[in-house]
PDB file of N, CA and C in Angstrom:
ATOM      1  N   MET A   1     137.258  96.924  78.733  1.00  0.00           N
ATOM      2  CA  MET A   1     137.603  95.271  78.750  1.00  0.00           C
ATOM      3  C   MET A   1     138.844  95.160  77.611  1.00  0.00           C
ATOM      4  N   GLU A   2     138.964  95.904  76.883  1.00  0.00           N
ATOM      5  CA  GLU A   2     140.125  95.275  75.870  1.00  0.00           C
ATOM      6  C   GLU A   2     141.028  95.802  76.225  1.00  0.00           C
ATOM      7  N   ASP A   3     141.225  97.182  76.800  1.00  0.00           N
ATOM      8  CA  ASP A   3     142.492  97.551  77.314  1.00  0.00           C
ATOM      9  C   ASP A   3     143.300  97.228  78.610  1.00  0.00           C
ATOM     10  N   ALA A   4     142.655  96.361  79.256  1.00  0.00           N
ATOM     11  CA  ALA A   4     143.281  95.949  80.683  1.00  0.00           C
ATOM     12  C   ALA A   4     142.682  94.827  81.107  1.00  0.00           C
ATOM     13  N   PRO A   5     143.272  93.942  82.140  1.00  0.00           N
ATOM     14  CA  PRO A   5     142.840  92.773  82.719  1.00  0.00           C
ATOM     15  C   PRO A   5     141.493  93.142  83.156  1.00  0.00           C
ATOM     16  N   PRO A   6     140.658  91.980  83.569  1.00  0.00           N
ATOM     17  CA  PRO A   6     139.420  92.308  84.310  1.00  0.00           C
ATOM     18  C   PRO A   6     139.567  92.637  85.708  1.00  0.00           C
ATOM     19  N   LYS A   7     138.663  93.214  86.202  1.00  0.00           N
ATOM     20  CA  LYS A   7     138.466  93.645  87.285  1.00  0.00           C
ATOM     21  C   LYS A   7     138.322  92.162  88.239  1.00  0.00           C
ATOM     22  N   PRO A   8     138.884  92.213  89.206  1.00  0.00           N
ATOM     23  CA  PRO A   8     139.363  93.195  90.331  1.00  0.00           C
ATOM     24  C   PRO A   8     140.818  93.768  90.115  1.00  0.00           C
ATOM     25  N   ASP A   9     141.358  93.318  88.914  1.00  0.00           N
ATOM     26  CA  ASP A   9     142.848  94.083  88.683  1.00  0.00           C
ATOM     27  C   ASP A   9     142.251  95.572  88.593  1.00  0.00           C
ATOM     28  N   PRO A  10     143.060  96.362  89.159  1.00  0.00           N
ATOM     29  CA  PRO A  10     142.740  97.810  89.165  1.00  0.00           C
ATOM     30  C   PRO A  10     143.351  98.508  87.673  1.00  0.00           C
ATOM     31  N   ALA A  11     143.996  97.962  86.769  1.00  0.00           N
ATOM     32  CA  ALA A  11     144.414  98.416  85.793  1.00  0.00           C
ATOM     33  C   ALA A  11     143.572  99.277  84.742  1.00  0.00           C
ATOM     34  N   SER A  12     142.362  98.755  84.768  1.00  0.00           N
ATOM     35  CA  SER A  12     141.257  99.239  83.888  1.00  0.00           C
ATOM     36  C   SER A  12     140.952 100.800  84.705  1.00  0.00           C
ATOM     37  N   VAL A  13     141.007 100.850  85.959  1.00  0.00           N
ATOM     38  CA  VAL A  13     140.485 102.144  86.684  1.00  0.00           C
ATOM     39  C   VAL A  13     141.636 103.084  86.504  1.00  0.00           C
ATOM     40  N   THR A  14     142.927 102.680  86.960  1.00  0.00           N
ATOM     41  CA  THR A  14     144.098 103.572  86.546  1.00  0.00           C
ATOM     42  C   THR A  14     144.365 103.810  85.256  1.00  0.00           C
ATOM     43  N   LEU A  15     144.113 103.274  84.405  1.00  0.00           N
ATOM     44  CA  LEU A  15     143.974 103.722  82.889  1.00  0.00           C
ATOM     45  C   LEU A  15     142.930 104.560  82.457  1.00  0.00           C
ATOM     46  N   ALA A  16     141.844 104.537  83.147  1.00  0.00           N
ATOM     47  CA  ALA A  16     140.767 105.643  82.956  1.00  0.00           C
ATOM     48  C   ALA A  16     141.194 107.099  83.509  1.00  0.00           C
ATOM     49  N   ILE A  17     141.816 106.853  84.680  1.00  0.00           N
ATOM     50  CA  ILE A  17     142.178 108.035  85.467  1.00  0.00           C
ATOM     51  C   ILE A  17     143.110 108.689  84.856  1.00  0.00           C
ATOM     52  N   ASP A  18     144.345 107.914  84.291  1.00  0.00           N
ATOM     53  CA  ASP A  18     145.422 108.514  83.745  1.00  0.00           C
ATOM     54  C   ASP A  18     145.085 109.304  82.254  1.00  0.00           C
ATOM     55  N   ARG A  19     143.946 108.454  81.404  1.00  0.00           N
ATOM     56  CA  ARG A  19     143.490 109.301  80.327  1.00  0.00           C
ATOM     57  C   ARG A  19     142.694 110.182  80.412  1.00  0.00           C
ATOM     58  N   LEU A  20     141.890 110.441  81.601  1.00  0.00           N
ATOM     59  CA  LEU A  20     141.096 111.503  81.804  1.00  0.00           C
ATOM     60  C   LEU A  20     141.927 112.826  82.522  1.00  0.00           C
ATOM     61  N   GLY A  21     142.959 112.454  82.737  1.00  0.00           N
ATOM     62  CA  GLY A  21     143.948 113.338  83.354  1.00  0.00           C
ATOM     63  C   GLY A  21     143.466 113.952  84.800  1.00  0.00           C
ATOM     64  N   ILE A  22     142.904 113.114  85.517  1.00  0.00           N
ATOM     65  CA  ILE A  22     142.474 113.613  86.759  1.00  0.00           C
ATOM     66  C   ILE A  22     143.294 112.951  87.857  1.00  0.00           C
ATOM     67  N   ARG A  23     143.166 113.113  89.192  1.00  0.00           N
ATOM     68  CA  ARG A  23     144.027 112.839  90.384  1.00  0.00           C
ATOM     69  C   ARG A  23     143.177 112.044  91.201  1.00  0.00           C
ATOM     70  N   ALA A  24     141.815 112.488  91.310  1.00  0.00           N
ATOM     71  CA  ALA A  24     140.889 111.632  92.305  1.00  0.00           C
ATOM     72  C   ALA A  24     139.404 111.514  91.493  1.00  0.00           C
ATOM     73  N   ALA A  25     138.707 110.143  92.127  1.00  0.00           N
ATOM     74  CA  ALA A  25     137.472 109.925  91.346  1.00  0.00           C
ATOM     75  C   ALA A  25     136.907 109.025  92.344  1.00  0.00           C
ATOM     76  N   TRP A  26     135.746 108.872  92.157  1.00  0.00           N
ATOM     77  CA  TRP A  26     135.006 107.796  92.955  1.00  0.00           C
ATOM     78  C   TRP A  26     134.451 106.841  91.463  1.00  0.00           C
ATOM     79  N   MET A  27     134.125 105.709  92.028  1.00  0.00           N
ATOM     80  CA  MET A  27     133.767 104.777  90.993  1.00  0.00           C
ATOM     81  C   MET A  27     132.799 104.084  91.500  1.00  0.00           C
ATOM     82  N   ILE A  28     131.660 103.947  90.307  1.00  0.00           N
ATOM     83  CA  ILE A  28     129.902 103.189  91.154  1.00  0.00           C
ATOM     84  C   ILE A  28     130.360 101.810  90.598  1.00  0.00           C
ATOM     85  N   GLY A  29     129.958 100.900  91.162  1.00  0.00           N
ATOM     86  CA  GLY A  29     130.166  99.691  90.663  1.00  0.00           C
ATOM     87  C   GLY A  29     129.012  98.645  91.587  1.00  0.00           C
ATOM     88  N   ASP A  30     128.609  97.580  91.030  1.00  0.00           N
ATOM     89  CA  ASP A  30     127.639  96.599  91.507  1.00  0.00           C
ATOM     90  C   ASP A  30     127.860  95.333  91.779  1.00  0.00           C
ATOM     91  N   THR A  31     129.293  95.141  91.918  1.00  0.00           N
ATOM     92  CA  THR A  31     130.147  94.041  92.130  1.00  0.00           C
ATOM     93  C   THR A  31     130.948  94.154  93.230  1.00  0.00           C
ATOM     94  N   PRO A  32     131.547  93.016  94.014  1.00  0.00           N
ATOM     95  CA  PRO A  32     132.603  92.989  94.769  1.00  0.00           C
ATOM     96  C   PRO A  32     133.749  93.214  93.917  1.00  0.00           C
ATOM     97  N   ASP A  33     134.027  92.607  93.097  1.00  0.00           N
ATOM     98  CA  ASP A  33     135.108  92.918  92.080  1.00  0.00           C
ATOM     99  C   ASP A  33     135.446  94.424  91.910  1.00  0.00           C
ATOM    100  N   ASP A  34     134.134  95.368  91.638  1.00  0.00           N
ATOM    101  CA  ASP A  34     134.188  96.746  91.249  1.00  0.00           C
ATOM    102  C   ASP A  34     134.973  97.418  92.324  1.00  0.00           C
ATOM    103  N   ILE A  35     134.407  97.222  93.478  1.00  0.00           N
ATOM    104  CA  ILE A  35     134.860  97.705  94.876  1.00  0.00           C
ATOM    105  C   ILE A  35     136.002  97.636  94.972  1.00  0.00           C
ATOM    106  N   ASN A  36     136.959  96.297  94.693  1.00  0.00           N
ATOM    107  CA  ASN A  36     138.163  95.910  95.053  1.00  0.00           C
ATOM    108  C   ASN A  36     138.843  96.613  94.139  1.00  0.00           C
ATOM    109  N   ALA A  37     138.531  96.733  92.702  1.00  0.00           N
ATOM    110  CA  ALA A  37     139.406  97.341  91.906  1.00  0.00           C
ATOM    111  C   ALA A  37     139.636  98.729  92.036  1.00  0.00           C
ATOM    112  N   ALA A  38     138.245  99.433  92.409  1.00  0.00           N
ATOM    113  CA  ALA A  38     138.508 100.894  92.998  1.00  0.00           C
ATOM    114  C   ALA A  38     139.466 101.349  94.296  1.00  0.00           C
ATOM    115  N   ARG A  39     139.213 100.348  95.126  1.00  0.00           N
ATOM    116  CA  ARG A  39     139.966 100.654  96.336  1.00  0.00           C
ATOM    117  C   ARG A  39     141.764 100.228  95.782  1.00  0.00           C
ATOM    118  N   SER A  40     141.924  99.336  95.097  1.00  0.00           N
ATOM    119  CA  SER A  40     143.152  99.078  94.802  1.00  0.00           C
ATOM    120  C   SER A  40     143.877 100.258  93.862  1.00  0.00           C
ATOM    121  N   ALA A  41     142.976 100.944  93.204  1.00  0.00           N
ATOM    122  CA  ALA A  41     143.393 102.053  92.342  1.00  0.00           C
ATOM    123  C   ALA A  41     143.611 103.438  93.155  1.00  0.00           C
ATOM    124  N   LEU A  42     142.980 103.502  94.403  1.00  0.00           N
ATOM    125  CA  LEU A  42     142.855 104.456  95.067  1.00  0.00           C
ATOM    126  C   LEU A  42     141.843 105.543  94.949  1.00  0.00           C
ATOM    127  N   VAL A  43     140.632 104.938  94.475  1.00  0.00           N
ATOM    128  CA  VAL A  43     139.228 105.503  94.024  1.00  0.00           C
ATOM    129  C   VAL A  43     138.412 105.107  94.940  1.00  0.00           C
ATOM    130  N   ILE A  44     137.438 106.245  95.349  1.00  0.00           N
ATOM    131  CA  ILE A  44     136.632 105.958  96.228  1.00  0.00           C
ATOM    132  C   ILE A  44     135.499 105.149  95.633  1.00  0.00           C
ATOM    133  N   PRO A  45     135.030 103.884  96.466  1.00  0.00           N
ATOM    134  CA  PRO A  45     134.358 103.068  95.737  1.00  0.00           C
ATOM    135  C   PRO A  45     132.891 103.219  96.323  1.00  0.00           C
ATOM    136  N   ILE A  46     132.078 103.414  95.419  1.00  0.00           N
ATOM    137  CA  ILE A  46     130.648 103.693  95.700  1.00  0.00           C
ATOM    138  C   ILE A  46     129.830 102.322  95.256  1.00  0.00           C
ATOM    139  N   GLY A  47     129.185 101.555  96.060  1.00  0.00           N
ATOM    140  CA  GLY A  47     128.246 100.491  95.555  1.00  0.00           C
ATOM    141  C   GLY A  47     127.126 101.171  95.135  1.00  0.00           C
ATOM    142  N   ILE A  48     126.601 100.248  94.228  1.00  0.00           N
ATOM    143  CA  ILE A  48     125.218 100.409  93.806  1.00  0.00           C
ATOM    144  C   ILE A  48     124.204  98.892  93.833  1.00  0.00           C
ATOM    145  N   VAL A  49     123.118  98.922  94.470  1.00  0.00           N
ATOM    146  CA  VAL A  49     122.543  97.606  94.302  1.00  0.00           C
ATOM    147  C   VAL A  49     121.431  97.385  92.686  1.00  0.00           C
ATOM    148  N   PRO A  50     121.816  96.337  92.604  1.00  0.00           N
ATOM    149  CA  PRO A  50     120.989  96.425  90.922  1.00  0.00           C
ATOM    150  C   PRO A  50     119.649  96.762  91.209  1.00  0.00           C
ATOM    151  N   PRO A  51     118.802  96.974  90.230  1.00  0.00           N
ATOM    152  CA  PRO A  51     117.311  97.008  90.447  1.00  0.00           C
ATOM    153  C   PRO A  51     116.860  95.726  90.637  1.00  0.00           C
ATOM    154  N   GLY A  52     115.686  96.048  91.759  1.00  0.00           N
ATOM    155  CA  GLY A  52     114.860  94.851  91.898  1.00  0.00           C
ATOM    156  C   GLY A  52     115.456  93.973  92.737  1.00  0.00           C
ATOM    157  N   GLU A  53     116.845  94.009  93.492  1.00  0.00           N
ATOM    158  CA  GLU A  53     117.199  93.298  94.421  1.00  0.00           C
ATOM    159  C   GLU A  53     116.442  93.627  95.752  1.00  0.00           C
ATOM    160  N   THR A  54     115.939  92.954  96.583  1.00  0.00           N
ATOM    161  CA  THR A  54     115.596  93.317  97.887  1.00  0.00           C
ATOM    162  C   THR A  54     115.985  92.521  99.032  1.00  0.00           C
ATOM    163  N   ASP A  55     116.580  91.377  98.840  1.00  0.00           N
ATOM    164  CA  ASP A  55     117.241  90.268  99.688  1.00  0.00           C
ATOM    165  C   ASP A  55     118.504  91.251 100.337  1.00  0.00           C
ATOM    166  N   GLY A  56     119.059  92.016 100.256  1.00  0.00           N
ATOM    167  CA  GLY A  56     120.416  92.529 100.836  1.00  0.00           C
ATOM    168  C   GLY A  56     121.510  91.983 100.332  1.00  0.00           C
ATOM    169  N   ILE A  57     121.753  90.782  99.763  1.00  0.00           N
ATOM    170  CA  ILE A  57     122.729  90.164  99.481  1.00  0.00           C
ATOM    171  C   ILE A  57     123.932  90.940  98.774  1.00  0.00           C
ATOM    172  N   THR A  58     123.196  91.746  97.805  1.00  0.00           N
ATOM    173  CA  THR A  58     124.424  92.356  97.103  1.00  0.00           C
ATOM    174  C   THR A  58     124.852  93.655  97.913  1.00  0.00           C
ATOM    175  N   ALA A  59     123.716  94.132  98.808  1.00  0.00           N
ATOM    176  CA  ALA A  59     124.427  95.142  99.706  1.00  0.00           C
ATOM    177  C   ALA A  59     125.429  95.106 100.427  1.00  0.00           C
ATOM    178  N   ASP A  60     124.966  93.642 101.222  1.00  0.00           N
ATOM    179  CA  ASP A  60     125.932  93.176 102.351  1.00  0.00           C
ATOM    180  C   ASP A  60     127.314  92.803 101.838  1.00  0.00           C
ATOM    181  N   ALA A  61     127.371  92.290 100.483  1.00  0.00           N
ATOM    182  CA  ALA A  61     128.836  91.833  99.707  1.00  0.00           C
ATOM    183  C   ALA A  61     129.487  93.105  99.310  1.00  0.00           C
ATOM    184  N   LEU A  62     128.618  93.949  99.010  1.00  0.00           N
ATOM    185  CA  LEU A  62     129.369  95.423  98.655  1.00  0.00           C
ATOM    186  C   LEU A  62     129.934  96.175  99.958  1.00  0.00           C
ATOM    187  N   HIS A  63     129.321  96.391 100.994  1.00  0.00           N
ATOM    188  CA  HIS A  63     129.751  96.539 102.347  1.00  0.00           C
ATOM    189  C   HIS A  63     131.170  95.804 102.729  1.00  0.00           C
ATOM    190  N   LEU A  64     131.048  94.506 102.537  1.00  0.00           N
ATOM    191  CA  LEU A  64     132.320  93.664 103.069  1.00  0.00           C
ATOM    192  C   LEU A  64     133.100  93.737 102.180  1.00  0.00           C
ATOM    193  N   ALA A  65     133.066  94.238 100.702  1.00  0.00           N
ATOM    194  CA  ALA A  65     134.505  94.459  99.782  1.00  0.00           C
ATOM    195  C   ALA A  65     135.004  95.824 100.300  1.00  0.00           C
ATOM    196  N   GLY A  66     134.331  96.754 100.930  1.00  0.00           N
ATOM    197  CA  GLY A  66     134.760  97.915 101.174  1.00  0.00           C
ATOM    198  C   GLY A  66     134.277  99.088 100.593  1.00  0.00           C
ATOM    199  N   ALA A  67     133.022  98.951 100.191  1.00  0.00           N
ATOM    200  CA  ALA A  67     132.499 100.392  99.706  1.00  0.00           C
ATOM    201  C   ALA A  67     132.278 101.372 100.805  1.00  0.00           C
ATOM    202  N   ALA A  68     132.578 102.457 100.253  1.00  0.00           N
ATOM    203  CA  ALA A  68     132.715 103.763 101.146  1.00  0.00           C
ATOM    204  C   ALA A  68     131.117 104.043 101.492  1.00  0.00           C
ATOM    205  N   ARG A  69     130.190 103.899 100.526  1.00  0.00           N
ATOM    206  CA  ARG A  69     128.654 103.720 100.443  1.00  0.00           C
ATOM    207  C   ARG A  69     128.295 102.998  99.666  1.00  0.00           C
ATOM    208  N   VAL A  70     127.034 102.196 100.030  1.00  0.00           N
ATOM    209  CA  VAL A  70     126.143 101.551  99.042  1.00  0.00           C
ATOM    210  C   VAL A  70     124.908 102.350  99.105  1.00  0.00           C
ATOM    211  N   LEU A  71     124.600 102.411  97.793  1.00  0.00           N
ATOM    212  CA  LEU A  71     123.185 102.992  97.202  1.00  0.00           C
ATOM    213  C   LEU A  71     122.318 101.966  96.788  1.00  0.00           C
ATOM    214  N   THR A  72     120.918 102.095  96.895  1.00  0.00           N
ATOM    215  CA  THR A  72     120.001 101.399  96.248  1.00  0.00           C
ATOM    216  C   THR A  72     119.637 101.930  95.306  1.00  0.00           C
ATOM    217  N   SER A  73     119.837 102.980  94.637  1.00  0.00           N
ATOM    218  CA  SER A  73     119.434 103.777  93.197  1.00  0.00           C
ATOM    219  C   SER A  73     120.595 104.888  93.036  1.00  0.00           C
ATOM    220  N   LEU A  74     120.599 104.909  91.425  1.00  0.00           N
ATOM    221  CA  LEU A  74     121.585 105.982  91.205  1.00  0.00           C
ATOM    222  C   LEU A  74     121.162 107.383  91.687  1.00  0.00           C
ATOM    223  N   SER A  75     119.770 107.713  91.872  1.00  0.00           N
ATOM    224  CA  SER A  75     119.284 108.884  92.305  1.00  0.00           C
ATOM    225  C   SER A  75     119.518 109.136  93.651  1.00  0.00           C
ATOM    226  N   ASP A  76     119.864 108.382  94.289  1.00  0.00           N
ATOM    227  CA  ASP A  76     120.657 108.517  95.965  1.00  0.00           C
ATOM    228  C   ASP A  76     121.985 108.986  95.696  1.00  0.00           C
ATOM    229  N   LEU A  77     122.437 108.933  94.655  1.00  0.00           N
ATOM    230  CA  LEU A  77     123.905 109.472  94.252  1.00  0.00           C
ATOM    231  C   LEU A  77     123.750 111.418  94.481  1.00  0.00           C
ATOM    232  N   GLU A  78     122.845 111.762  94.180  1.00  0.00           N
ATOM    233  CA  GLU A  78     122.592 113.285  93.912  1.00  0.00           C
ATOM    234  C   GLU A  78     122.724 113.704  95.526  1.00  0.00           C
ATOM    235  N   ASN A  79     122.617 112.823  96.432  1.00  0.00           N
ATOM    236  CA  ASN A  79     122.706 113.580  97.974  1.00  0.00           C
ATOM    237  C   ASN A  79     124.010 113.410  98.289  1.00  0.00           C
ATOM    238  N   LEU A  80     124.986 112.718  97.705  1.00  0.00           N
ATOM    239  CA  LEU A  80     126.382 112.806  97.769  1.00  0.00           C
ATOM    240  C   LEU A  80     127.190 113.810  97.471  1.00  0.00           C
ATOM    241  N   LEU A  81     126.636 114.364  96.206  1.00  0.00           N
ATOM    242  CA  LEU A  81     127.261 115.446  95.668  1.00  0.00           C
ATOM    243  C   LEU A  81     127.363 116.813  96.268  1.00  0.00           C
ATOM    244  N   PRO A  82     128.637 117.561  95.855  1.00  0.00           N
ATOM    245  CA  PRO A  82     128.230 118.889  96.786  1.00  0.00           C
ATOM    246  C   PRO A  82     127.539 119.792  96.071  1.00  0.00           C
TER     247      PRO A  82
END
């Protein structure tokens, strides 16, 4: 947060990619701003619904923001990994 403007500005994501020396990445986030920052940085956006949320509002918002997938728990991430 100290190194770049707040999301949805993609600067923090691109900075992390540059510092890690990678060309491709996934980004997991729980807000539409996270998803928008990832998309703007050309990173695959993965949404995660916060624990305890059952009404679907966050999942819908993450889908609308452009998440490639929306997970209901981090353990679901294992199913996406090769």
